[in-house]
């Protein structure tokens, strides 16, 4: 991460609802996503991707990030413990306020990204994890971002 933030963990899932697999390195491809992930535009097996009438994928599906501090906070505050990657986000960060990156460019490893919108939790996440996770992660569920320049 650019600035004081760091990437603590990276995850991909090869298809919708598959278990997230931790990665040491992952290839970020501009306009497509993380190679091998369910939302990578060449395979596109994610649950929530949206397309427009011109067969173009909407912005904000390349990459998702979540603050490790948010994961720790819901464990402490709501007694909700998520296993690594169970939050369904690609990148777990430390020491960066992701909500502040909406509309901003930033670097993750070698890749240059742009924050698109907040990645609020949904009933799907709660269904595959546990009751209360939706409320516990509201406004701290992370960030959806677009990859502008390739990197690892």
N, C-alpha and C. Protein backbone atom coordinates (compact mmCIF):
# COMPACT_ATOMS: atom_id res chain seq x y z
N UNK A 1 0.85 -1.18 0.00
CA UNK A 1 0.00 0.00 0.00
C UNK A 1 0.89 1.24 0.00
N UNK A 2 0.41 2.26 -0.67
CA UNK A 2 1.11 3.54 -0.67
C UNK A 2 1.01 4.17 0.71
N UNK A 3 2.03 4.90 1.11
CA UNK A 3 2.01 5.58 2.40
C UNK A 3 2.34 4.61 3.51
N UNK A 4 1.67 4.80 4.64
CA UNK A 4 2.00 4.00 5.81
C UNK A 4 1.31 2.64 5.85
N UNK A 5 0.33 2.43 4.98
CA UNK A 5 -0.40 1.17 5.01
C UNK A 5 0.40 0.02 4.43
N UNK A 6 0.03 -1.19 4.83
CA UNK A 6 0.69 -2.39 4.31
C UNK A 6 -0.34 -3.43 3.91
N UNK A 7 0.06 -4.28 2.99
CA UNK A 7 -0.74 -5.45 2.64
C UNK A 7 -0.34 -6.56 3.60
N UNK A 8 -1.31 -7.07 4.34
CA UNK A 8 -1.04 -8.15 5.28
C UNK A 8 -1.28 -9.52 4.64
N UNK A 9 -2.33 -9.61 3.81
CA UNK A 9 -2.68 -10.87 3.18
C UNK A 9 -3.37 -10.60 1.85
N UNK A 10 -3.23 -11.56 0.93
CA UNK A 10 -3.93 -11.49 -0.36
C UNK A 10 -4.66 -12.81 -0.58
N UNK A 11 -5.86 -12.72 -1.15
CA UNK A 11 -6.70 -13.90 -1.35
C UNK A 11 -7.35 -13.87 -2.72
N UNK A 12 -7.59 -15.04 -3.28
CA UNK A 12 -8.45 -15.18 -4.45
C UNK A 12 -9.34 -16.41 -4.23
N UNK A 13 -10.44 -16.43 -4.94
CA UNK A 13 -11.30 -17.62 -4.99
C UNK A 13 -11.55 -17.87 -6.46
N UNK A 14 -11.40 -19.10 -6.89
CA UNK A 14 -11.49 -19.42 -8.31
C UNK A 14 -12.90 -19.37 -8.87
N UNK A 15 -13.91 -19.48 -8.00
CA UNK A 15 -15.29 -19.40 -8.46
C UNK A 15 -16.17 -18.89 -7.32
N UNK A 16 -17.41 -18.51 -7.65
CA UNK A 16 -18.34 -17.99 -6.66
C UNK A 16 -18.49 -18.98 -5.51
N UNK A 17 -18.46 -18.45 -4.30
CA UNK A 17 -18.65 -19.20 -3.06
C UNK A 17 -17.53 -20.19 -2.74
N UNK A 18 -16.51 -20.30 -3.59
CA UNK A 18 -15.37 -21.15 -3.26
C UNK A 18 -14.59 -20.52 -2.11
N UNK A 19 -13.92 -21.34 -1.35
CA UNK A 19 -13.11 -20.84 -0.25
C UNK A 19 -12.02 -19.93 -0.79
N UNK A 20 -11.79 -18.82 -0.10
CA UNK A 20 -10.72 -17.90 -0.48
C UNK A 20 -9.38 -18.57 -0.16
N UNK A 21 -8.46 -18.49 -1.10
CA UNK A 21 -7.14 -19.09 -0.94
C UNK A 21 -6.10 -17.99 -0.79
N UNK A 22 -5.31 -18.08 0.28
CA UNK A 22 -4.28 -17.07 0.50
C UNK A 22 -3.17 -17.23 -0.54
N UNK A 23 -2.67 -16.11 -1.01
CA UNK A 23 -1.63 -16.07 -2.03
C UNK A 23 -0.41 -15.32 -1.50
N UNK A 24 0.77 -15.73 -1.90
CA UNK A 24 1.98 -14.98 -1.57
C UNK A 24 2.07 -13.78 -2.50
N UNK A 25 1.87 -14.01 -3.78
CA UNK A 25 1.84 -12.97 -4.81
C UNK A 25 0.65 -13.22 -5.69
N UNK A 26 0.09 -12.17 -6.23
CA UNK A 26 -1.02 -12.31 -7.17
C UNK A 26 -0.84 -11.24 -8.25
N UNK A 27 -1.12 -11.61 -9.48
CA UNK A 27 -0.95 -10.69 -10.61
C UNK A 27 -2.21 -9.86 -10.78
N UNK A 28 -2.05 -8.54 -10.70
CA UNK A 28 -3.15 -7.59 -10.88
C UNK A 28 -3.09 -7.07 -12.32
N UNK A 29 -4.19 -7.24 -13.06
CA UNK A 29 -4.24 -6.84 -14.47
C UNK A 29 -5.24 -5.69 -14.62
N UNK A 30 -4.78 -4.59 -15.18
CA UNK A 30 -5.62 -3.40 -15.35
C UNK A 30 -6.91 -3.74 -16.09
N UNK A 31 -8.03 -3.31 -15.51
CA UNK A 31 -9.32 -3.50 -16.13
C UNK A 31 -9.87 -4.91 -16.08
N UNK A 32 -9.13 -5.84 -15.50
CA UNK A 32 -9.57 -7.24 -15.46
C UNK A 32 -9.67 -7.80 -14.06
N UNK A 33 -8.76 -7.43 -13.18
CA UNK A 33 -8.77 -7.94 -11.82
C UNK A 33 -7.55 -8.75 -11.48
N UNK A 34 -7.69 -9.65 -10.51
CA UNK A 34 -6.59 -10.50 -10.07
C UNK A 34 -6.65 -11.82 -10.82
N UNK A 35 -5.55 -12.15 -11.47
CA UNK A 35 -5.51 -13.38 -12.26
C UNK A 35 -5.87 -14.58 -11.38
N UNK A 36 -6.83 -15.37 -11.85
CA UNK A 36 -7.27 -16.55 -11.13
C UNK A 36 -8.46 -16.32 -10.22
N UNK A 37 -8.82 -15.05 -9.96
CA UNK A 37 -9.94 -14.78 -9.08
C UNK A 37 -11.27 -14.91 -9.82
N UNK A 38 -12.32 -15.16 -9.07
CA UNK A 38 -13.66 -15.34 -9.63
C UNK A 38 -14.16 -14.11 -10.38
N UNK A 39 -13.64 -12.94 -10.07
CA UNK A 39 -14.06 -11.72 -10.76
C UNK A 39 -13.10 -11.29 -11.86
N UNK A 40 -12.09 -12.08 -12.14
CA UNK A 40 -11.18 -11.76 -13.25
C UNK A 40 -12.01 -11.78 -14.52
N UNK A 41 -11.95 -10.72 -15.31
CA UNK A 41 -12.92 -10.54 -16.39
C UNK A 41 -12.91 -11.61 -17.46
N UNK A 42 -11.87 -12.41 -17.57
CA UNK A 42 -11.86 -13.47 -18.58
C UNK A 42 -12.59 -14.73 -18.11
N UNK A 43 -12.77 -14.88 -16.81
CA UNK A 43 -13.48 -16.07 -16.31
C UNK A 43 -14.82 -15.71 -15.70
N UNK A 44 -14.91 -14.60 -15.00
CA UNK A 44 -16.14 -14.00 -14.51
C UNK A 44 -17.15 -14.97 -13.91
N UNK A 45 -16.80 -15.60 -12.80
CA UNK A 45 -17.73 -16.51 -12.14
C UNK A 45 -18.16 -15.99 -10.79
N UNK A 46 -17.94 -14.69 -10.53
CA UNK A 46 -18.32 -14.11 -9.26
C UNK A 46 -19.83 -13.96 -9.13
N UNK A 47 -20.29 -13.84 -7.92
CA UNK A 47 -21.71 -13.76 -7.63
C UNK A 47 -22.32 -12.42 -8.00
N UNK A 48 -21.59 -11.32 -7.86
CA UNK A 48 -22.21 -10.00 -7.93
C UNK A 48 -21.71 -9.09 -9.04
N UNK A 49 -21.11 -9.60 -10.08
CA UNK A 49 -20.62 -8.71 -11.14
C UNK A 49 -21.80 -8.18 -11.94
N UNK A 50 -21.68 -6.92 -12.40
CA UNK A 50 -22.74 -6.29 -13.20
C UNK A 50 -22.15 -5.82 -14.53
N UNK A 51 -22.93 -6.01 -15.57
CA UNK A 51 -22.53 -5.61 -16.92
C UNK A 51 -23.49 -4.56 -17.43
N UNK A 52 -23.01 -3.65 -18.29
CA UNK A 52 -23.91 -2.68 -18.90
C UNK A 52 -24.40 -3.22 -20.24
N UNK A 53 -25.20 -2.42 -20.95
CA UNK A 53 -25.81 -2.87 -22.20
C UNK A 53 -24.79 -3.10 -23.32
N UNK A 54 -23.58 -2.55 -23.19
CA UNK A 54 -22.53 -2.74 -24.20
C UNK A 54 -21.60 -3.88 -23.84
N UNK A 55 -22.03 -4.77 -22.93
CA UNK A 55 -21.21 -5.91 -22.51
C UNK A 55 -19.92 -5.47 -21.82
N UNK A 56 -19.95 -4.31 -21.19
CA UNK A 56 -18.81 -3.82 -20.42
C UNK A 56 -19.09 -4.02 -18.94
N UNK A 57 -18.11 -4.51 -18.24
CA UNK A 57 -18.25 -4.72 -16.80
C UNK A 57 -18.24 -3.36 -16.10
N UNK A 58 -19.10 -3.18 -15.12
CA UNK A 58 -19.12 -1.94 -14.34
C UNK A 58 -17.82 -1.79 -13.56
N UNK A 59 -17.50 -0.56 -13.19
CA UNK A 59 -16.31 -0.29 -12.40
C UNK A 59 -16.45 -0.86 -10.99
N UNK A 60 -15.31 -1.12 -10.36
CA UNK A 60 -15.29 -1.54 -8.97
C UNK A 60 -15.26 -3.03 -8.74
N UNK A 61 -15.01 -3.82 -9.78
CA UNK A 61 -14.99 -5.28 -9.62
C UNK A 61 -13.59 -5.89 -9.75
N UNK A 62 -12.57 -5.06 -9.97
CA UNK A 62 -11.22 -5.60 -10.14
C UNK A 62 -10.63 -6.13 -8.84
N UNK A 63 -10.89 -5.43 -7.74
CA UNK A 63 -10.18 -5.70 -6.50
C UNK A 63 -11.02 -5.24 -5.31
N UNK A 64 -11.01 -6.03 -4.24
CA UNK A 64 -11.65 -5.61 -3.00
C UNK A 64 -10.63 -5.65 -1.87
N UNK A 65 -10.74 -4.70 -0.96
CA UNK A 65 -9.81 -4.59 0.15
C UNK A 65 -10.59 -4.43 1.45
N UNK A 66 -10.01 -4.88 2.55
CA UNK A 66 -10.60 -4.70 3.87
C UNK A 66 -9.48 -4.43 4.87
N UNK A 67 -9.77 -3.61 5.87
CA UNK A 67 -8.80 -3.30 6.91
C UNK A 67 -8.75 -4.44 7.92
N UNK A 68 -7.56 -4.89 8.20
CA UNK A 68 -7.39 -5.93 9.22
C UNK A 68 -7.93 -5.44 10.56
N UNK A 69 -7.83 -4.15 10.80
CA UNK A 69 -8.35 -3.57 12.04
C UNK A 69 -9.86 -3.75 12.16
N UNK A 70 -10.59 -3.71 11.02
CA UNK A 70 -12.04 -3.93 11.04
C UNK A 70 -12.36 -5.37 11.40
N UNK A 71 -11.59 -6.30 10.87
CA UNK A 71 -11.79 -7.71 11.16
C UNK A 71 -11.56 -7.97 12.66
N UNK A 72 -10.52 -7.37 13.20
CA UNK A 72 -10.22 -7.49 14.63
C UNK A 72 -11.31 -6.84 15.47
N UNK A 73 -11.81 -5.69 15.02
CA UNK A 73 -12.83 -4.96 15.79
C UNK A 73 -14.13 -5.75 15.89
N UNK A 74 -14.55 -6.40 14.81
CA UNK A 74 -15.82 -7.14 14.91
C UNK A 74 -15.68 -8.37 15.80
N UNK A 75 -14.47 -8.88 15.89
CA UNK A 75 -14.24 -10.00 16.81
C UNK A 75 -14.38 -9.51 18.25
N UNK A 76 -13.81 -8.36 18.50
CA UNK A 76 -13.84 -7.80 19.86
C UNK A 76 -15.24 -7.28 20.22
N UNK A 77 -15.88 -6.56 19.31
CA UNK A 77 -17.14 -5.89 19.61
C UNK A 77 -18.37 -6.79 19.47
N UNK A 78 -18.37 -7.66 18.48
CA UNK A 78 -19.56 -8.46 18.20
C UNK A 78 -19.33 -9.96 18.39
N UNK A 79 -18.12 -10.30 18.82
CA UNK A 79 -17.74 -11.70 19.00
C UNK A 79 -17.94 -12.52 17.72
N UNK A 80 -17.62 -11.88 16.59
CA UNK A 80 -17.67 -12.54 15.29
C UNK A 80 -16.24 -12.75 14.83
N UNK A 81 -15.84 -14.00 14.79
CA UNK A 81 -14.48 -14.33 14.37
C UNK A 81 -14.54 -14.92 12.96
N UNK A 82 -13.86 -14.23 12.04
CA UNK A 82 -13.80 -14.70 10.66
C UNK A 82 -12.46 -15.39 10.41
N UNK A 83 -12.51 -16.55 9.80
CA UNK A 83 -11.28 -17.25 9.42
C UNK A 83 -10.58 -16.43 8.33
N UNK A 84 -9.28 -16.63 8.13
CA UNK A 84 -8.58 -15.90 7.08
C UNK A 84 -9.30 -16.02 5.72
N UNK A 85 -9.60 -14.85 5.13
CA UNK A 85 -10.26 -14.81 3.83
C UNK A 85 -11.76 -14.95 3.88
N UNK A 86 -12.32 -15.30 5.03
CA UNK A 86 -13.76 -15.50 5.12
C UNK A 86 -14.54 -14.21 4.87
N UNK A 87 -13.89 -13.07 4.99
CA UNK A 87 -14.51 -11.77 4.71
C UNK A 87 -14.79 -11.59 3.22
N UNK A 88 -14.23 -12.45 2.36
CA UNK A 88 -14.45 -12.47 0.91
C UNK A 88 -13.80 -11.30 0.19
N UNK A 89 -12.85 -10.62 0.82
CA UNK A 89 -12.13 -9.52 0.18
C UNK A 89 -10.78 -10.05 -0.29
N UNK A 90 -10.23 -9.43 -1.36
CA UNK A 90 -8.97 -9.91 -1.92
C UNK A 90 -7.75 -9.51 -1.10
N UNK A 91 -7.76 -8.30 -0.57
CA UNK A 91 -6.58 -7.77 0.10
C UNK A 91 -6.95 -7.33 1.51
N UNK A 92 -6.18 -7.81 2.47
CA UNK A 92 -6.31 -7.37 3.86
C UNK A 92 -5.18 -6.39 4.12
N UNK A 93 -5.53 -5.19 4.60
CA UNK A 93 -4.54 -4.14 4.82
C UNK A 93 -4.36 -3.87 6.31
N UNK A 94 -3.33 -3.11 6.60
CA UNK A 94 -3.11 -2.62 7.96
C UNK A 94 -2.67 -1.16 7.84
N UNK A 95 -3.17 -0.34 8.76
CA UNK A 95 -2.76 1.07 8.90
C UNK A 95 -3.11 1.94 7.70
N UNK A 96 -4.26 1.69 7.10
CA UNK A 96 -4.73 2.58 6.02
C UNK A 96 -6.25 2.70 6.13
N UNK A 97 -6.75 3.93 6.07
CA UNK A 97 -8.19 4.18 6.14
C UNK A 97 -8.78 4.02 4.74
N UNK A 98 -9.27 2.82 4.45
CA UNK A 98 -9.76 2.51 3.10
C UNK A 98 -10.93 3.39 2.68
N UNK A 99 -11.82 3.75 3.59
CA UNK A 99 -12.96 4.59 3.23
C UNK A 99 -12.51 5.92 2.63
N UNK A 100 -11.35 6.39 3.02
CA UNK A 100 -10.83 7.66 2.51
C UNK A 100 -10.25 7.55 1.10
N UNK A 101 -10.14 6.34 0.59
CA UNK A 101 -9.55 6.14 -0.74
C UNK A 101 -10.58 6.11 -1.87
N UNK A 102 -11.85 6.30 -1.56
CA UNK A 102 -12.86 6.38 -2.62
C UNK A 102 -12.53 7.59 -3.49
N UNK A 103 -12.39 7.36 -4.79
CA UNK A 103 -12.05 8.43 -5.73
C UNK A 103 -10.57 8.76 -5.81
N UNK A 104 -9.75 8.07 -5.03
CA UNK A 104 -8.32 8.35 -4.98
C UNK A 104 -7.51 7.25 -5.67
N UNK A 105 -6.36 7.64 -6.22
CA UNK A 105 -5.42 6.64 -6.75
C UNK A 105 -4.46 6.24 -5.63
N UNK A 106 -4.08 4.98 -5.64
CA UNK A 106 -3.15 4.46 -4.65
C UNK A 106 -2.45 3.25 -5.24
N UNK A 107 -1.40 2.83 -4.59
CA UNK A 107 -0.61 1.70 -5.05
C UNK A 107 -0.77 0.53 -4.08
N UNK A 108 -0.95 -0.66 -4.65
CA UNK A 108 -0.93 -1.91 -3.89
C UNK A 108 0.16 -2.74 -4.53
N UNK A 109 1.28 -2.92 -3.82
CA UNK A 109 2.43 -3.57 -4.44
C UNK A 109 2.88 -2.72 -5.62
N UNK A 110 3.00 -3.35 -6.80
CA UNK A 110 3.40 -2.64 -8.01
C UNK A 110 2.21 -2.08 -8.77
N UNK A 111 1.01 -2.49 -8.43
CA UNK A 111 -0.19 -2.09 -9.18
C UNK A 111 -0.68 -0.72 -8.73
N UNK A 112 -1.18 0.05 -9.69
CA UNK A 112 -1.80 1.33 -9.38
C UNK A 112 -3.31 1.14 -9.49
N UNK A 113 -4.01 1.58 -8.46
CA UNK A 113 -5.45 1.35 -8.35
C UNK A 113 -6.17 2.67 -8.10
N UNK A 114 -7.49 2.63 -8.25
CA UNK A 114 -8.34 3.77 -7.90
C UNK A 114 -9.52 3.23 -7.09
N UNK A 115 -9.74 3.84 -5.94
CA UNK A 115 -10.88 3.47 -5.12
C UNK A 115 -12.17 3.85 -5.82
N UNK A 116 -13.09 2.91 -5.95
CA UNK A 116 -14.34 3.17 -6.67
C UNK A 116 -15.49 3.47 -5.72
N UNK A 117 -15.71 2.60 -4.74
CA UNK A 117 -16.81 2.78 -3.80
C UNK A 117 -16.57 1.85 -2.60
N UNK A 118 -17.33 2.10 -1.54
CA UNK A 118 -17.23 1.23 -0.37
C UNK A 118 -17.74 -0.15 -0.73
N UNK A 119 -17.19 -1.14 -0.07
CA UNK A 119 -17.59 -2.53 -0.28
C UNK A 119 -18.39 -2.95 0.95
N UNK A 120 -19.63 -2.48 1.00
CA UNK A 120 -20.48 -2.77 2.15
C UNK A 120 -20.80 -4.27 2.18
N UNK A 121 -20.98 -4.82 3.37
CA UNK A 121 -21.33 -6.24 3.48
C UNK A 121 -22.75 -6.46 2.95
N UNK A 122 -23.04 -7.69 2.62
CA UNK A 122 -24.36 -8.01 2.06
C UNK A 122 -24.91 -9.26 2.73
N UNK A 123 -26.16 -9.55 2.44
CA UNK A 123 -26.80 -10.72 3.04
C UNK A 123 -26.13 -12.01 2.57
N UNK A 124 -25.55 -12.00 1.36
CA UNK A 124 -24.82 -13.18 0.87
C UNK A 124 -23.65 -13.49 1.80
N UNK A 125 -22.87 -12.47 2.16
CA UNK A 125 -21.74 -12.67 3.08
C UNK A 125 -22.23 -13.22 4.41
N UNK A 126 -23.32 -12.67 4.92
CA UNK A 126 -23.85 -13.16 6.19
C UNK A 126 -24.33 -14.59 6.06
N UNK A 127 -24.95 -14.93 4.93
CA UNK A 127 -25.47 -16.29 4.72
C UNK A 127 -24.34 -17.32 4.75
N UNK A 128 -23.18 -16.97 4.19
CA UNK A 128 -22.08 -17.94 4.12
C UNK A 128 -21.12 -17.85 5.31
N UNK A 129 -21.35 -16.87 6.21
CA UNK A 129 -20.52 -16.77 7.41
C UNK A 129 -21.38 -17.00 8.64
N UNK A 130 -21.86 -15.90 9.24
CA UNK A 130 -22.67 -16.05 10.45
C UNK A 130 -23.56 -14.83 10.67
N UNK A 131 -24.62 -15.02 11.43
CA UNK A 131 -25.53 -13.93 11.76
C UNK A 131 -24.76 -12.80 12.44
N UNK A 132 -25.12 -11.59 12.10
CA UNK A 132 -24.52 -10.42 12.73
C UNK A 132 -23.37 -9.81 11.94
N UNK A 133 -22.81 -10.54 10.99
CA UNK A 133 -21.65 -10.02 10.26
C UNK A 133 -22.04 -8.81 9.40
N UNK A 134 -23.24 -8.81 8.86
CA UNK A 134 -23.69 -7.69 8.03
C UNK A 134 -23.69 -6.40 8.85
N UNK A 135 -24.32 -6.43 10.00
CA UNK A 135 -24.37 -5.24 10.85
C UNK A 135 -22.98 -4.87 11.37
N UNK A 136 -22.20 -5.86 11.76
CA UNK A 136 -20.88 -5.61 12.34
C UNK A 136 -19.93 -4.95 11.34
N UNK A 137 -20.05 -5.28 10.05
CA UNK A 137 -19.14 -4.72 9.04
C UNK A 137 -19.71 -3.50 8.29
N UNK A 138 -20.92 -3.06 8.64
CA UNK A 138 -21.48 -1.89 7.97
C UNK A 138 -20.56 -0.69 8.12
N UNK A 139 -20.27 -0.05 7.02
CA UNK A 139 -19.38 1.12 6.88
C UNK A 139 -17.91 0.81 7.18
N UNK A 140 -17.58 -0.46 7.35
CA UNK A 140 -16.17 -0.85 7.48
C UNK A 140 -15.92 -2.19 6.79
N UNK A 141 -16.72 -2.45 5.76
CA UNK A 141 -16.61 -3.68 4.99
C UNK A 141 -15.56 -3.62 3.91
N UNK A 142 -14.91 -2.45 3.76
CA UNK A 142 -13.81 -2.36 2.82
C UNK A 142 -14.07 -1.45 1.64
N UNK A 143 -13.31 -1.68 0.59
CA UNK A 143 -13.27 -0.81 -0.58
C UNK A 143 -13.26 -1.65 -1.85
N UNK A 144 -14.04 -1.21 -2.85
CA UNK A 144 -13.98 -1.78 -4.19
C UNK A 144 -13.08 -0.86 -5.00
N UNK A 145 -12.16 -1.46 -5.76
CA UNK A 145 -11.20 -0.65 -6.50
C UNK A 145 -11.03 -1.18 -7.92
N UNK A 146 -10.57 -0.29 -8.78
CA UNK A 146 -10.22 -0.65 -10.15
C UNK A 146 -8.71 -0.65 -10.25
N UNK A 147 -8.19 -1.58 -11.03
CA UNK A 147 -6.75 -1.64 -11.28
C UNK A 147 -6.47 -0.83 -12.53
N UNK A 148 -5.65 0.20 -12.41
CA UNK A 148 -5.35 1.11 -13.52
C UNK A 148 -4.09 0.70 -14.26
N UNK A 149 -3.11 0.19 -13.52
CA UNK A 149 -1.85 -0.27 -14.11
C UNK A 149 -1.48 -1.60 -13.49
N UNK A 150 -1.05 -2.55 -14.36
CA UNK A 150 -0.69 -3.90 -13.92
C UNK A 150 0.39 -3.89 -12.86
N UNK A 151 0.42 -4.93 -12.08
CA UNK A 151 1.48 -5.11 -11.09
C UNK A 151 1.28 -6.40 -10.32
N UNK A 152 2.20 -6.66 -9.41
CA UNK A 152 2.11 -7.84 -8.54
C UNK A 152 1.93 -7.37 -7.12
